[in-house]
Amino acid sequence: MKLKQYTITMESGTRFGGKYRDEAHVRDSYKHIRSKIAKIEQRPLWTPEEEAEMDADKAWHRAY
């Protein structure tokens, strides 16, 4: 079974991202956290533009 990218937003506003089978798998993975899940979206945590910006920033920090 192929895993899909999910973004999980907690009631506190904290966001997590990861690869899961489905929403039930997401809920099971976060049941130990005190804050309740406010929203589950099937999308990556970061946009491609944000990923590229972070990669460039990491490369700069590795070089200097």
PDB file of N, CA and C in Angstrom:
ATOM      1  N   MET A   1       0.848  -1.191   0.000  1.00  0.00           N
ATOM      2  CA  MET A   1       0.000   0.000   0.000  1.00  0.00           C
ATOM      3  C   MET A   1       0.887   1.246   0.000  1.00  0.00           C
ATOM      4  N   LYS A   2       0.577   2.178  -0.868  1.00  0.00           N
ATOM      5  CA  LYS A   2       1.361   3.409  -0.988  1.00  0.00           C
ATOM      6  C   LYS A   2       0.941   4.411   0.085  1.00  0.00           C
ATOM      7  N   LEU A   3       1.926   5.046   0.707  1.00  0.00           N
ATOM      8  CA  LEU A   3       1.660   6.056   1.723  1.00  0.00           C
ATOM      9  C   LEU A   3       1.425   7.404   1.053  1.00  0.00           C
ATOM     10  N   LYS A   4       0.572   8.215   1.672  1.00  0.00           N
ATOM     11  CA  LYS A   4       0.240   9.539   1.151  1.00  0.00           C
ATOM     12  C   LYS A   4       0.715  10.594   2.141  1.00  0.00           C
ATOM     13  N   GLN A   5       1.014  11.787   1.628  1.00  0.00           N
ATOM     14  CA  GLN A   5       1.434  12.918   2.464  1.00  0.00           C
ATOM     15  C   GLN A   5       0.210  13.517   3.169  1.00  0.00           C
ATOM     16  N   TYR A   6       0.335  13.764   4.472  1.00  0.00           N
ATOM     17  CA  TYR A   6      -0.734  14.395   5.246  1.00  0.00           C
ATOM     18  C   TYR A   6      -0.154  15.531   6.073  1.00  0.00           C
ATOM     19  N   THR A   7      -0.971  16.556   6.272  1.00  0.00           N
ATOM     20  CA  THR A   7      -0.663  17.631   7.207  1.00  0.00           C
ATOM     21  C   THR A   7      -1.704  17.560   8.310  1.00  0.00           C
ATOM     22  N   ILE A   8      -1.236  17.501   9.547  1.00  0.00           N
ATOM     23  CA  ILE A   8      -2.113  17.381  10.706  1.00  0.00           C
ATOM     24  C   ILE A   8      -2.003  18.680  11.487  1.00  0.00           C
ATOM     25  N   THR A   9      -3.137  19.333  11.723  1.00  0.00           N
ATOM     26  CA  THR A   9      -3.170  20.565  12.508  1.00  0.00           C
ATOM     27  C   THR A   9      -3.862  20.253  13.829  1.00  0.00           C
ATOM     28  N   MET A  10      -3.176  20.576  14.917  1.00  0.00           N
ATOM     29  CA  MET A  10      -3.723  20.333  16.250  1.00  0.00           C
ATOM     30  C   MET A  10      -4.552  21.548  16.686  1.00  0.00           C
ATOM     31  N   GLU A  11      -5.376  21.363  17.719  1.00  0.00           N
ATOM     32  CA  GLU A  11      -6.181  22.476  18.245  1.00  0.00           C
ATOM     33  C   GLU A  11      -5.297  23.623  18.716  1.00  0.00           C
ATOM     34  N   SER A  12      -4.084  23.317  19.146  1.00  0.00           N
ATOM     35  CA  SER A  12      -3.155  24.348  19.623  1.00  0.00           C
ATOM     36  C   SER A  12      -2.562  25.163  18.470  1.00  0.00           C
ATOM     37  N   GLY A  13      -2.758  24.708  17.225  1.00  0.00           N
ATOM     38  CA  GLY A  13      -2.218  25.397  16.070  1.00  0.00           C
ATOM     39  C   GLY A  13      -0.935  24.766  15.536  1.00  0.00           C
ATOM     40  N   THR A  14      -0.361  23.855  16.290  1.00  0.00           N
ATOM     41  CA  THR A  14       0.849  23.167  15.857  1.00  0.00           C
ATOM     42  C   THR A  14       0.536  22.275  14.667  1.00  0.00           C
ATOM     43  N   ARG A  15       1.429  22.293  13.678  1.00  0.00           N
ATOM     44  CA  ARG A  15       1.237  21.450  12.494  1.00  0.00           C
ATOM     45  C   ARG A  15       2.321  20.382  12.426  1.00  0.00           C
ATOM     46  N   PHE A  16       1.920  19.197  12.010  1.00  0.00           N
ATOM     47  CA  PHE A  16       2.832  18.090  11.793  1.00  0.00           C
ATOM     48  C   PHE A  16       2.606  17.582  10.379  1.00  0.00           C
ATOM     49  N   GLY A  17       3.598  16.958   9.826  1.00  0.00           N
ATOM     50  CA  GLY A  17       3.460  16.366   8.506  1.00  0.00           C
ATOM     51  C   GLY A  17       4.047  14.976   8.504  1.00  0.00           C
ATOM     52  N   GLY A  18       3.553  14.136   7.609  1.00  0.00           N
ATOM     53  CA  GLY A  18       4.092  12.793   7.507  1.00  0.00           C
ATOM     54  C   GLY A  18       3.395  11.992   6.444  1.00  0.00           C
ATOM     55  N   LYS A  19       3.862  10.761   6.286  1.00  0.00           N
ATOM     56  CA  LYS A  19       3.275   9.852   5.304  1.00  0.00           C
ATOM     57  C   LYS A  19       2.485   8.775   6.036  1.00  0.00           C
ATOM     58  N   TYR A  20       1.226   8.618   5.642  1.00  0.00           N
ATOM     59  CA  TYR A  20       0.324   7.672   6.293  1.00  0.00           C
ATOM     60  C   TYR A  20      -0.528   6.968   5.247  1.00  0.00           C
ATOM     61  N   ARG A  21      -1.119   5.839   5.660  1.00  0.00           N
ATOM     62  CA  ARG A  21      -1.996   5.087   4.763  1.00  0.00           C
ATOM     63  C   ARG A  21      -3.304   5.831   4.510  1.00  0.00           C
ATOM     64  N   ASP A  22      -3.913   6.320   5.609  1.00  0.00           N
ATOM     65  CA  ASP A  22      -5.211   6.995   5.521  1.00  0.00           C
ATOM     66  C   ASP A  22      -5.423   7.808   6.799  1.00  0.00           C
ATOM     67  N   GLU A  23      -6.588   8.455   6.908  1.00  0.00           N
ATOM     68  CA  GLU A  23      -6.854   9.310   8.078  1.00  0.00           C
ATOM     69  C   GLU A  23      -6.906   8.508   9.370  1.00  0.00           C
ATOM     70  N   ALA A  24      -7.390   7.273   9.311  1.00  0.00           N
ATOM     71  CA  ALA A  24      -7.428   6.429  10.512  1.00  0.00           C
ATOM     72  C   ALA A  24      -6.005   6.168  11.025  1.00  0.00           C
ATOM     73  N   HIS A  25      -5.072   5.962  10.115  1.00  0.00           N
ATOM     74  CA  HIS A  25      -3.673   5.753  10.479  1.00  0.00           C
ATOM     75  C   HIS A  25      -3.111   7.016  11.136  1.00  0.00           C
ATOM     76  N   VAL A  26      -3.484   8.197  10.615  1.00  0.00           N
ATOM     77  CA  VAL A  26      -3.048   9.469  11.201  1.00  0.00           C
ATOM     78  C   VAL A  26      -3.565   9.581  12.635  1.00  0.00           C
ATOM     79  N   ARG A  27      -4.869   9.373  12.816  1.00  0.00           N
ATOM     80  CA  ARG A  27      -5.470   9.489  14.153  1.00  0.00           C
ATOM     81  C   ARG A  27      -4.826   8.513  15.139  1.00  0.00           C
ATOM     82  N   ASP A  28      -4.562   7.293  14.703  1.00  0.00           N
ATOM     83  CA  ASP A  28      -3.937   6.293  15.556  1.00  0.00           C
ATOM     84  C   ASP A  28      -2.522   6.728  15.951  1.00  0.00           C
ATOM     85  N   SER A  29      -1.800   7.346  15.032  1.00  0.00           N
ATOM     86  CA  SER A  29      -0.423   7.786  15.291  1.00  0.00           C
ATOM     87  C   SER A  29      -0.348   8.957  16.262  1.00  0.00           C
ATOM     88  N   TYR A  30      -1.405   9.748  16.368  1.00  0.00           N
ATOM     89  CA  TYR A  30      -1.392  10.945  17.219  1.00  0.00           C
ATOM     90  C   TYR A  30      -2.296  10.829  18.441  1.00  0.00           C
ATOM     91  N   LYS A  31      -2.769   9.631  18.754  1.00  0.00           N
ATOM     92  CA  LYS A  31      -3.676   9.477  19.895  1.00  0.00           C
ATOM     93  C   LYS A  31      -2.975   9.693  21.241  1.00  0.00           C
ATOM     94  N   HIS A  32      -1.646   9.589  21.285  1.00  0.00           N
ATOM     95  CA  HIS A  32      -0.897   9.769  22.534  1.00  0.00           C
ATOM     96  C   HIS A  32      -0.666  11.237  22.887  1.00  0.00           C
ATOM     97  N   ILE A  33      -0.944  12.151  21.968  1.00  0.00           N
ATOM     98  CA  ILE A  33      -0.712  13.581  22.198  1.00  0.00           C
ATOM     99  C   ILE A  33      -1.929  14.189  22.895  1.00  0.00           C
ATOM    100  N   ARG A  34      -1.683  15.015  23.898  1.00  0.00           N
ATOM    101  CA  ARG A  34      -2.776  15.627  24.665  1.00  0.00           C
ATOM    102  C   ARG A  34      -3.674  16.518  23.813  1.00  0.00           C
ATOM    103  N   SER A  35      -3.062  17.344  22.976  1.00  0.00           N
ATOM    104  CA  SER A  35      -3.829  18.244  22.127  1.00  0.00           C
ATOM    105  C   SER A  35      -4.597  17.426  21.094  1.00  0.00           C
ATOM    106  N   LYS A  36      -5.830  17.798  20.862  1.00  0.00           N
ATOM    107  CA  LYS A  36      -6.658  17.066  19.904  1.00  0.00           C
ATOM    108  C   LYS A  36      -6.399  17.547  18.480  1.00  0.00           C
ATOM    109  N   ILE A  37      -6.658  16.662  17.528  1.00  0.00           N
ATOM    110  CA  ILE A  37      -6.495  16.985  16.121  1.00  0.00           C
ATOM    111  C   ILE A  37      -7.651  17.880  15.683  1.00  0.00           C
ATOM    112  N   ALA A  38      -7.323  19.018  15.092  1.00  0.00           N
ATOM    113  CA  ALA A  38      -8.345  19.937  14.598  1.00  0.00           C
ATOM    114  C   ALA A  38      -8.651  19.670  13.126  1.00  0.00           C
ATOM    115  N   LYS A  39      -7.588  19.314  12.347  1.00  0.00           N
ATOM    116  CA  LYS A  39      -7.789  19.143  10.911  1.00  0.00           C
ATOM    117  C   LYS A  39      -6.742  18.195  10.359  1.00  0.00           C
ATOM    118  N   ILE A  40      -7.171  17.334   9.430  1.00  0.00           N
ATOM    119  CA  ILE A  40      -6.268  16.445   8.701  1.00  0.00           C
ATOM    120  C   ILE A  40      -6.459  16.731   7.226  1.00  0.00           C
ATOM    121  N   GLU A  41      -5.364  17.072   6.549  1.00  0.00           N
ATOM    122  CA  GLU A  41      -5.432  17.378   5.122  1.00  0.00           C
ATOM    123  C   GLU A  41      -4.455  16.477   4.374  1.00  0.00           C
ATOM    124  N   GLN A  42      -4.897  15.982   3.220  1.00  0.00           N
ATOM    125  CA  GLN A  42      -4.013  15.157   2.407  1.00  0.00           C
ATOM    126  C   GLN A  42      -3.209  16.071   1.491  1.00  0.00           C
ATOM    127  N   ARG A  43      -2.108  16.599   2.052  1.00  0.00           N
ATOM    128  CA  ARG A  43      -1.191  17.466   1.317  1.00  0.00           C
ATOM    129  C   ARG A  43       0.112  17.502   2.093  1.00  0.00           C
ATOM    130  N   PRO A  44       1.215  17.844   1.414  1.00  0.00           N
ATOM    131  CA  PRO A  44       2.494  17.967   2.118  1.00  0.00           C
ATOM    132  C   PRO A  44       2.467  19.142   3.096  1.00  0.00           C
ATOM    133  N   LEU A  45       3.293  19.059   4.126  1.00  0.00           N
ATOM    134  CA  LEU A  45       3.386  20.130   5.124  1.00  0.00           C
ATOM    135  C   LEU A  45       3.910  21.417   4.500  1.00  0.00           C
ATOM    136  N   TRP A  46       4.912  21.302   3.624  1.00  0.00           N
ATOM    137  CA  TRP A  46       5.529  22.467   3.001  1.00  0.00           C
ATOM    138  C   TRP A  46       5.224  22.486   1.507  1.00  0.00           C
ATOM    139  N   THR A  47       5.059  23.691   0.962  1.00  0.00           N
ATOM    140  CA  THR A  47       4.876  23.833  -0.486  1.00  0.00           C
ATOM    141  C   THR A  47       6.220  23.595  -1.174  1.00  0.00           C
ATOM    142  N   PRO A  48       6.222  23.296  -2.460  1.00  0.00           N
ATOM    143  CA  PRO A  48       7.501  23.120  -3.170  1.00  0.00           C
ATOM    144  C   PRO A  48       8.406  24.349  -3.067  1.00  0.00           C
ATOM    145  N   GLU A  49       7.823  25.542  -3.069  1.00  0.00           N
ATOM    146  CA  GLU A  49       8.614  26.769  -2.945  1.00  0.00           C
ATOM    147  C   GLU A  49       9.278  26.854  -1.573  1.00  0.00           C
ATOM    148  N   GLU A  50       8.531  26.514  -0.521  1.00  0.00           N
ATOM    149  CA  GLU A  50       9.094  26.529   0.829  1.00  0.00           C
ATOM    150  C   GLU A  50      10.204  25.491   0.967  1.00  0.00           C
ATOM    151  N   GLU A  51       9.992  24.308   0.377  1.00  0.00           N
ATOM    152  CA  GLU A  51      11.016  23.257   0.397  1.00  0.00           C
ATOM    153  C   GLU A  51      12.302  23.746  -0.264  1.00  0.00           C
ATOM    154  N   ALA A  52      12.165  24.385  -1.444  1.00  0.00           N
ATOM    155  CA  ALA A  52      13.334  24.879  -2.170  1.00  0.00           C
ATOM    156  C   ALA A  52      14.065  25.946  -1.355  1.00  0.00           C
ATOM    157  N   GLU A  53      13.312  26.832  -0.713  1.00  0.00           N
ATOM    158  CA  GLU A  53      13.917  27.882   0.103  1.00  0.00           C
ATOM    159  C   GLU A  53      14.670  27.282   1.297  1.00  0.00           C
ATOM    160  N   MET A  54      14.072  26.288   1.950  1.00  0.00           N
ATOM    161  CA  MET A  54      14.737  25.641   3.087  1.00  0.00           C
ATOM    162  C   MET A  54      15.986  24.892   2.636  1.00  0.00           C
ATOM    163  N   ASP A  55      15.907  24.223   1.486  1.00  0.00           N
ATOM    164  CA  ASP A  55      17.077  23.500   0.962  1.00  0.00           C
ATOM    165  C   ASP A  55      18.223  24.464   0.665  1.00  0.00           C
ATOM    166  N   ALA A  56      17.909  25.607   0.064  1.00  0.00           N
ATOM    167  CA  ALA A  56      18.936  26.602  -0.236  1.00  0.00           C
ATOM    168  C   ALA A  56      19.548  27.146   1.056  1.00  0.00           C
ATOM    169  N   ASP A  57      18.719  27.403   2.057  1.00  0.00           N
ATOM    170  CA  ASP A  57      19.199  27.909   3.334  1.00  0.00           C
ATOM    171  C   ASP A  57      20.097  26.876   4.016  1.00  0.00           C
ATOM    172  N   LYS A  58      19.705  25.616   3.983  1.00  0.00           N
ATOM    173  CA  LYS A  58      20.525  24.558   4.579  1.00  0.00           C
ATOM    174  C   LYS A  58      21.867  24.448   3.862  1.00  0.00           C
ATOM    175  N   ALA A  59      21.859  24.537   2.531  1.00  0.00           N
ATOM    176  CA  ALA A  59      23.092  24.459   1.763  1.00  0.00           C
ATOM    177  C   ALA A  59      24.021  25.605   2.126  1.00  0.00           C
ATOM    178  N   TRP A  60      23.485  26.813   2.291  1.00  0.00           N
ATOM    179  CA  TRP A  60      24.297  27.969   2.665  1.00  0.00           C
ATOM    180  C   TRP A  60      24.935  27.737   4.036  1.00  0.00           C
ATOM    181  N   HIS A  61      24.138  27.225   4.990  1.00  0.00           N
ATOM    182  CA  HIS A  61      24.667  27.003   6.338  1.00  0.00           C
ATOM    183  C   HIS A  61      25.719  25.885   6.362  1.00  0.00           C
ATOM    184  N   ARG A  62      25.577  24.908   5.500  1.00  0.00           N
ATOM    185  CA  ARG A  62      26.597  23.845   5.421  1.00  0.00           C
ATOM    186  C   ARG A  62      27.898  24.390   4.837  1.00  0.00           C
ATOM    187  N   ALA A  63      27.793  25.354   3.942  1.00  0.00           N
ATOM    188  CA  ALA A  63      28.980  25.894   3.265  1.00  0.00           C
ATOM    189  C   ALA A  63      29.722  26.915   4.119  1.00  0.00           C
ATOM    190  N   TYR A  64      29.001  27.586   5.047  1.00  0.00           N
ATOM    191  CA  TYR A  64      29.651  28.661   5.803  1.00  0.00           C
ATOM    192  C   TYR A  64      29.593  28.441   7.283  1.00  0.00           C
TER     193      TYR A  64
END
